[in-house]
Amino acid sequence: YGERLATHDATLKGLADLRVDLLAAILRK
């Protein structure tokens, strides 16, 4: 339970940050 909670939460937050970084990179074009 702890492993799923830690890894999935971090993965979802990391992918959310990646989406923001991608949009920022596109807007710099």
PDB file of all heavy atoms in Angstrom:
ATOM      1  N   TYR A   1       0.828  -1.200   0.000  1.00  0.00           N
ATOM      2  CA  TYR A   1       0.000   0.000   0.000  1.00  0.00           C
ATOM      3  C   TYR A   1       0.871   1.262   0.000  1.00  0.00           C
ATOM      4  O   TYR A   1       0.632   2.216  -0.745  1.00  0.00           O
ATOM      5  CB  TYR A   1      -0.927   0.009   1.216  1.00  0.00           C
ATOM      6  CG  TYR A   1      -1.780   1.245   1.318  1.00  0.00           C
ATOM      7  CD1 TYR A   1      -2.922   1.396   0.532  1.00  0.00           C
ATOM      8  CD2 TYR A   1      -1.437   2.275   2.193  1.00  0.00           C
ATOM      9  CE1 TYR A   1      -3.699   2.533   0.620  1.00  0.00           C
ATOM     10  CE2 TYR A   1      -2.212   3.418   2.284  1.00  0.00           C
ATOM     11  CZ  TYR A   1      -3.343   3.545   1.495  1.00  0.00           C
ATOM     12  OH  TYR A   1      -4.109   4.677   1.573  1.00  0.00           O
ATOM     13  N   GLY A   2       1.918   1.267   0.848  1.00  0.00           N
ATOM     14  CA  GLY A   2       2.809   2.423   0.913  1.00  0.00           C
ATOM     15  C   GLY A   2       3.557   2.638  -0.391  1.00  0.00           C
ATOM     16  O   GLY A   2       3.743   3.783  -0.844  1.00  0.00           O
ATOM     17  N   GLU A   3       3.976   1.541  -1.023  1.00  0.00           N
ATOM     18  CA  GLU A   3       4.705   1.661  -2.296  1.00  0.00           C
ATOM     19  C   GLU A   3       3.816   2.239  -3.388  1.00  0.00           C
ATOM     20  O   GLU A   3       4.228   3.131  -4.142  1.00  0.00           O
ATOM     21  CB  GLU A   3       5.221   0.272  -2.702  1.00  0.00           C
ATOM     22  CG  GLU A   3       5.976   0.243  -4.008  1.00  0.00           C
ATOM     23  CD  GLU A   3       5.089  -0.156  -5.180  1.00  0.00           C
ATOM     24  OE1 GLU A   3       4.122  -0.914  -4.945  1.00  0.00           O
ATOM     25  OE2 GLU A   3       5.362   0.284  -6.309  1.00  0.00           O
ATOM     26  N   ARG A   4       2.583   1.751  -3.483  1.00  0.00           N
ATOM     27  CA  ARG A   4       1.659   2.286  -4.491  1.00  0.00           C
ATOM     28  C   ARG A   4       1.354   3.753  -4.219  1.00  0.00           C
ATOM     29  O   ARG A   4       1.296   4.568  -5.149  1.00  0.00           O
ATOM     30  CB  ARG A   4       0.370   1.459  -4.493  1.00  0.00           C
ATOM     31  CG  ARG A   4       0.553   0.016  -4.937  1.00  0.00           C
ATOM     32  CD  ARG A   4       0.993  -0.040  -6.399  1.00  0.00           C
ATOM     33  NE  ARG A   4       1.360  -1.374  -6.801  1.00  0.00           N
ATOM     34  CZ  ARG A   4       0.508  -2.282  -7.275  1.00  0.00           C
ATOM     35  NH1 ARG A   4      -0.773  -1.981  -7.352  1.00  0.00           N
ATOM     36  NH2 ARG A   4       0.940  -3.468  -7.636  1.00  0.00           N
ATOM     37  N   LEU A   5       1.155   4.072  -2.964  1.00  0.00           N
ATOM     38  CA  LEU A   5       0.831   5.450  -2.614  1.00  0.00           C
ATOM     39  C   LEU A   5       1.990   6.384  -2.957  1.00  0.00           C
ATOM     40  O   LEU A   5       1.790   7.445  -3.565  1.00  0.00           O
ATOM     41  CB  LEU A   5       0.501   5.542  -1.123  1.00  0.00           C
ATOM     42  CG  LEU A   5       0.010   6.894  -0.609  1.00  0.00           C
ATOM     43  CD1 LEU A   5      -1.307   7.268  -1.275  1.00  0.00           C
ATOM     44  CD2 LEU A   5      -0.146   6.867   0.901  1.00  0.00           C
ATOM     45  N   ALA A   6       3.203   5.987  -2.614  1.00  0.00           N
ATOM     46  CA  ALA A   6       4.360   6.855  -2.837  1.00  0.00           C
ATOM     47  C   ALA A   6       4.690   6.990  -4.319  1.00  0.00           C
ATOM     48  O   ALA A   6       4.869   8.100  -4.832  1.00  0.00           O
ATOM     49  CB  ALA A   6       5.576   6.321  -2.068  1.00  0.00           C
ATOM     50  N   THR A   7       4.766   5.866  -5.020  1.00  0.00           N
ATOM     51  CA  THR A   7       5.200   5.913  -6.422  1.00  0.00           C
ATOM     52  C   THR A   7       4.137   6.499  -7.345  1.00  0.00           C
ATOM     53  O   THR A   7       4.450   7.285  -8.237  1.00  0.00           O
ATOM     54  CB  THR A   7       5.589   4.513  -6.899  1.00  0.00           C
ATOM     55  OG1 THR A   7       4.465   3.609  -6.725  1.00  0.00           O
ATOM     56  CG2 THR A   7       6.775   3.984  -6.111  1.00  0.00           C
ATOM     57  N   HIS A   8       2.871   6.123  -7.135  1.00  0.00           N
ATOM     58  CA  HIS A   8       1.826   6.642  -8.014  1.00  0.00           C
ATOM     59  C   HIS A   8       1.594   8.129  -7.775  1.00  0.00           C
ATOM     60  O   HIS A   8       1.387   8.895  -8.726  1.00  0.00           O
ATOM     61  CB  HIS A   8       0.534   5.859  -7.815  1.00  0.00           C
ATOM     62  CG  HIS A   8       0.553   4.492  -8.432  1.00  0.00           C
ATOM     63  ND1 HIS A   8       1.381   3.493  -7.975  1.00  0.00           N
ATOM     64  CD2 HIS A   8      -0.147   3.956  -9.463  1.00  0.00           C
ATOM     65  CE1 HIS A   8       1.194   2.400  -8.702  1.00  0.00           C
ATOM     66  NE2 HIS A   8       0.280   2.655  -9.616  1.00  0.00           N
ATOM     67  N   ASP A   9       1.631   8.543  -6.526  1.00  0.00           N
ATOM     68  CA  ASP A   9       1.462   9.969  -6.238  1.00  0.00           C
ATOM     69  C   ASP A   9       2.602  10.779  -6.858  1.00  0.00           C
ATOM     70  O   ASP A   9       2.365  11.818  -7.484  1.00  0.00           O
ATOM     71  CB  ASP A   9       1.425  10.178  -4.726  1.00  0.00           C
ATOM     72  CG  ASP A   9       1.283  11.648  -4.358  1.00  0.00           C
ATOM     73  OD1 ASP A   9       0.211  12.235  -4.588  1.00  0.00           O
ATOM     74  OD2 ASP A   9       2.256  12.222  -3.836  1.00  0.00           O
ATOM     75  N   ALA A  10       3.831  10.291  -6.693  1.00  0.00           N
ATOM     76  CA  ALA A  10       4.967  11.009  -7.262  1.00  0.00           C
ATOM     77  C   ALA A  10       4.929  10.998  -8.785  1.00  0.00           C
ATOM     78  O   ALA A  10       5.275  11.994  -9.442  1.00  0.00           O
ATOM     79  CB  ALA A  10       6.272  10.388  -6.764  1.00  0.00           C
ATOM     80  N   THR A  11       4.500   9.872  -9.380  1.00  0.00           N
ATOM     81  CA  THR A  11       4.406   9.798 -10.835  1.00  0.00           C
ATOM     82  C   THR A  11       3.386  10.780 -11.380  1.00  0.00           C
ATOM     83  O   THR A  11       3.651  11.506 -12.346  1.00  0.00           O
ATOM     84  CB  THR A  11       4.040   8.369 -11.278  1.00  0.00           C
ATOM     85  OG1 THR A  11       5.083   7.473 -10.890  1.00  0.00           O
ATOM     86  CG2 THR A  11       3.868   8.288 -12.777  1.00  0.00           C
ATOM     87  N   LEU A  12       2.216  10.827 -10.780  1.00  0.00           N
ATOM     88  CA  LEU A  12       1.180  11.746 -11.248  1.00  0.00           C
ATOM     89  C   LEU A  12       1.623  13.199 -11.114  1.00  0.00           C
ATOM     90  O   LEU A  12       1.390  14.028 -12.011  1.00  0.00           O
ATOM     91  CB  LEU A  12      -0.117  11.503 -10.479  1.00  0.00           C
ATOM     92  CG  LEU A  12      -0.808  10.162 -10.738  1.00  0.00           C
ATOM     93  CD1 LEU A  12      -2.020   9.990  -9.835  1.00  0.00           C
ATOM     94  CD2 LEU A  12      -1.221  10.039 -12.203  1.00  0.00           C
ATOM     95  N   LYS A  13       2.265  13.529 -10.002  1.00  0.00           N
ATOM     96  CA  LYS A  13       2.749  14.897  -9.823  1.00  0.00           C
ATOM     97  C   LYS A  13       3.880  15.205 -10.805  1.00  0.00           C
ATOM     98  O   LYS A  13       3.959  16.320 -11.342  1.00  0.00           O
ATOM     99  CB  LYS A  13       3.220  15.095  -8.385  1.00  0.00           C
ATOM    100  CG  LYS A  13       2.086  15.122  -7.372  1.00  0.00           C
ATOM    101  CD  LYS A  13       2.606  15.320  -5.958  1.00  0.00           C
ATOM    102  CE  LYS A  13       1.462  15.389  -4.945  1.00  0.00           C
ATOM    103  NZ  LYS A  13       1.952  15.536  -3.557  1.00  0.00           N
ATOM    104  N   GLY A  14       4.754  14.232 -11.027  1.00  0.00           N
ATOM    105  CA  GLY A  14       5.843  14.443 -11.979  1.00  0.00           C
ATOM    106  C   GLY A  14       5.339  14.645 -13.392  1.00  0.00           C
ATOM    107  O   GLY A  14       5.838  15.505 -14.128  1.00  0.00           O
ATOM    108  N   LEU A  15       4.340  13.865 -13.800  1.00  0.00           N
ATOM    109  CA  LEU A  15       3.764  14.029 -15.135  1.00  0.00           C
ATOM    110  C   LEU A  15       3.028  15.354 -15.257  1.00  0.00           C
ATOM    111  O   LEU A  15       3.032  15.977 -16.325  1.00  0.00           O
ATOM    112  CB  LEU A  15       2.824  12.865 -15.449  1.00  0.00           C
ATOM    113  CG  LEU A  15       3.483  11.488 -15.579  1.00  0.00           C
ATOM    114  CD1 LEU A  15       2.434  10.428 -15.864  1.00  0.00           C
ATOM    115  CD2 LEU A  15       4.536  11.496 -16.686  1.00  0.00           C
ATOM    116  N   ALA A  16       2.393  15.799 -14.174  1.00  0.00           N
ATOM    117  CA  ALA A  16       1.744  17.115 -14.190  1.00  0.00           C
ATOM    118  C   ALA A  16       2.790  18.210 -14.387  1.00  0.00           C
ATOM    119  O   ALA A  16       2.575  19.155 -15.173  1.00  0.00           O
ATOM    120  CB  ALA A  16       0.970  17.336 -12.892  1.00  0.00           C
ATOM    121  N   ASP A  17       3.926  18.097 -13.703  1.00  0.00           N
ATOM    122  CA  ASP A  17       5.005  19.070 -13.901  1.00  0.00           C
ATOM    123  C   ASP A  17       5.537  19.007 -15.325  1.00  0.00           C
ATOM    124  O   ASP A  17       5.872  20.043 -15.927  1.00  0.00           O
ATOM    125  CB  ASP A  17       6.141  18.796 -12.915  1.00  0.00           C
ATOM    126  CG  ASP A  17       5.749  19.104 -11.475  1.00  0.00           C
ATOM    127  OD1 ASP A  17       4.782  19.862 -11.278  1.00  0.00           O
ATOM    128  OD2 ASP A  17       6.403  18.563 -10.560  1.00  0.00           O
ATOM    129  N   LEU A  18       5.630  17.793 -15.878  1.00  0.00           N
ATOM    130  CA  LEU A  18       6.120  17.638 -17.246  1.00  0.00           C
ATOM    131  C   LEU A  18       5.190  18.328 -18.237  1.00  0.00           C
ATOM    132  O   LEU A  18       5.656  18.967 -19.195  1.00  0.00           O
ATOM    133  CB  LEU A  18       6.265  16.150 -17.584  1.00  0.00           C
ATOM    134  CG  LEU A  18       6.750  15.824 -19.001  1.00  0.00           C
ATOM    135  CD1 LEU A  18       8.155  16.388 -19.224  1.00  0.00           C
ATOM    136  CD2 LEU A  18       6.740  14.311 -19.243  1.00  0.00           C
ATOM    137  N   ARG A  19       3.887  18.215 -18.016  1.00  0.00           N
ATOM    138  CA  ARG A  19       2.937  18.901 -18.908  1.00  0.00           C
ATOM    139  C   ARG A  19       3.141  20.417 -18.862  1.00  0.00           C
ATOM    140  O   ARG A  19       3.119  21.088 -19.901  1.00  0.00           O
ATOM    141  CB  ARG A  19       1.511  18.535 -18.528  1.00  0.00           C
ATOM    142  CG  ARG A  19       1.135  17.088 -18.818  1.00  0.00           C
ATOM    143  CD  ARG A  19      -0.341  16.836 -18.544  1.00  0.00           C
ATOM    144  NE  ARG A  19      -0.698  15.468 -18.860  1.00  0.00           N
ATOM    145  CZ  ARG A  19      -0.734  14.484 -17.969  1.00  0.00           C
ATOM    146  NH1 ARG A  19      -0.433  14.740 -16.702  1.00  0.00           N
ATOM    147  NH2 ARG A  19      -1.059  13.261 -18.332  1.00  0.00           N
ATOM    148  N   VAL A  20       3.321  20.948 -17.669  1.00  0.00           N
ATOM    149  CA  VAL A  20       3.552  22.388 -17.531  1.00  0.00           C
ATOM    150  C   VAL A  20       4.849  22.790 -18.238  1.00  0.00           C
ATOM    151  O   VAL A  20       4.901  23.798 -18.956  1.00  0.00           O
ATOM    152  CB  VAL A  20       3.588  22.786 -16.041  1.00  0.00           C
ATOM    153  CG1 VAL A  20       3.986  24.255 -15.888  1.00  0.00           C
ATOM    154  CG2 VAL A  20       2.235  22.542 -15.390  1.00  0.00           C
ATOM    155  N   ASP A  21       5.905  22.010 -18.034  1.00  0.00           N
ATOM    156  CA  ASP A  21       7.184  22.311 -18.677  1.00  0.00           C
ATOM    157  C   ASP A  21       7.065  22.239 -20.204  1.00  0.00           C
ATOM    158  O   ASP A  21       7.678  23.038 -20.924  1.00  0.00           O
ATOM    159  CB  ASP A  21       8.260  21.330 -18.200  1.00  0.00           C
ATOM    160  CG  ASP A  21       8.597  21.521 -16.723  1.00  0.00           C
ATOM    161  OD1 ASP A  21       8.272  22.590 -16.172  1.00  0.00           O
ATOM    162  OD2 ASP A  21       9.164  20.587 -16.124  1.00  0.00           O
ATOM    163  N   LEU A  22       6.289  21.272 -20.697  1.00  0.00           N
ATOM    164  CA  LEU A  22       6.098  21.148 -22.144  1.00  0.00           C
ATOM    165  C   LEU A  22       5.380  22.364 -22.713  1.00  0.00           C
ATOM    166  O   LEU A  22       5.784  22.911 -23.753  1.00  0.00           O
ATOM    167  CB  LEU A  22       5.296  19.881 -22.454  1.00  0.00           C
ATOM    168  CG  LEU A  22       6.090  18.581 -22.564  1.00  0.00           C
ATOM    169  CD1 LEU A  22       5.140  17.395 -22.656  1.00  0.00           C
ATOM    170  CD2 LEU A  22       6.993  18.613 -23.785  1.00  0.00           C
ATOM    171  N   LEU A  23       4.316  22.784 -22.054  1.00  0.00           N
ATOM    172  CA  LEU A  23       3.587  23.954 -22.535  1.00  0.00           C
ATOM    173  C   LEU A  23       4.476  25.198 -22.499  1.00  0.00           C
ATOM    174  O   LEU A  23       4.439  26.031 -23.419  1.00  0.00           O
ATOM    175  CB  LEU A  23       2.330  24.169 -21.693  1.00  0.00           C
ATOM    176  CG  LEU A  23       1.243  23.098 -21.850  1.00  0.00           C
ATOM    177  CD1 LEU A  23       0.085  23.367 -20.906  1.00  0.00           C
ATOM    178  CD2 LEU A  23       0.734  23.049 -23.292  1.00  0.00           C
ATOM    179  N   ALA A  24       5.282  25.319 -21.449  1.00  0.00           N
ATOM    180  CA  ALA A  24       6.198  26.464 -21.367  1.00  0.00           C
ATOM    181  C   ALA A  24       7.231  26.411 -22.493  1.00  0.00           C
ATOM    182  O   ALA A  24       7.572  27.446 -23.087  1.00  0.00           O
ATOM    183  CB  ALA A  24       6.888  26.479 -20.007  1.00  0.00           C
ATOM    184  N   ALA A  25       7.729  25.206 -22.812  1.00  0.00           N
ATOM    185  CA  ALA A  25       8.711  25.072 -23.888  1.00  0.00           C
ATOM    186  C   ALA A  25       8.094  25.417 -25.243  1.00  0.00           C
ATOM    187  O   ALA A  25       8.732  26.050 -26.086  1.00  0.00           O
ATOM    188  CB  ALA A  25       9.265  23.644 -23.917  1.00  0.00           C
ATOM    189  N   ILE A  26       6.848  25.004 -25.443  1.00  0.00           N
ATOM    190  CA  ILE A  26       6.176  25.317 -26.704  1.00  0.00           C
ATOM    191  C   ILE A  26       5.950  26.815 -26.833  1.00  0.00           C
ATOM    192  O   ILE A  26       6.126  27.405 -27.911  1.00  0.00           O
ATOM    193  CB  ILE A  26       4.849  24.549 -26.795  1.00  0.00           C
ATOM    194  CG1 ILE A  26       5.116  23.048 -26.944  1.00  0.00           C
ATOM    195  CG2 ILE A  26       4.004  25.045 -27.963  1.00  0.00           C
ATOM    196  CD1 ILE A  26       3.880  22.190 -26.885  1.00  0.00           C
ATOM    197  N   LEU A  27       5.564  27.453 -25.737  1.00  0.00           N
ATOM    198  CA  LEU A  27       5.297  28.887 -25.787  1.00  0.00           C
ATOM    199  C   LEU A  27       6.566  29.704 -26.001  1.00  0.00           C
ATOM    200  O   LEU A  27       6.479  30.870 -26.394  1.00  0.00           O
ATOM    201  CB  LEU A  27       4.594  29.331 -24.495  1.00  0.00           C
ATOM    202  CG  LEU A  27       3.164  28.828 -24.320  1.00  0.00           C
ATOM    203  CD1 LEU A  27       2.615  29.245 -22.975  1.00  0.00           C
ATOM    204  CD2 LEU A  27       2.274  29.353 -25.439  1.00  0.00           C
ATOM    205  N   ARG A  28       7.731  29.125 -25.753  1.00  0.00           N
ATOM    206  CA  ARG A  28       8.979  29.833 -26.015  1.00  0.00           C
ATOM    207  C   ARG A  28       9.390  29.775 -27.473  1.00  0.00           C
ATOM    208  O   ARG A  28      10.341  30.454 -27.877  1.00  0.00           O
ATOM    209  CB  ARG A  28      10.107  29.258 -25.150  1.00  0.00           C
ATOM    210  CG  ARG A  28      10.011  29.609 -23.668  1.00  0.00           C
ATOM    211  CD  ARG A  28      11.309  29.304 -22.956  1.00  0.00           C
ATOM    212  NE  ARG A  28      11.635  27.901 -23.001  1.00  0.00           N
ATOM    213  CZ  ARG A  28      11.296  27.015 -22.075  1.00  0.00           C
ATOM    214  NH1 ARG A  28      10.573  27.413 -21.025  1.00  0.00           N
ATOM    215  NH2 ARG A  28      11.636  25.743 -22.176  1.00  0.00           N
ATOM    216  N   LYS A  29       8.687  28.995 -28.267  1.00  0.00           N
ATOM    217  CA  LYS A  29       9.036  28.876 -29.678  1.00  0.00           C
ATOM    218  C   LYS A  29       8.627  30.143 -30.431  1.00  0.00           C
ATOM    219  O   LYS A  29       7.803  30.917 -29.960  1.00  0.00           O
ATOM    220  CB  LYS A  29       8.350  27.644 -30.279  1.00  0.00           C
ATOM    221  CG  LYS A  29       8.834  26.332 -29.686  1.00  0.00           C
ATOM    222  CD  LYS A  29       8.150  25.159 -30.323  1.00  0.00           C
ATOM    223  CE  LYS A  29       8.583  23.859 -29.638  1.00  0.00           C
ATOM    224  NZ  LYS A  29      10.012  23.607 -29.802  1.00  0.00           N
TER     225      LYS A  29
END
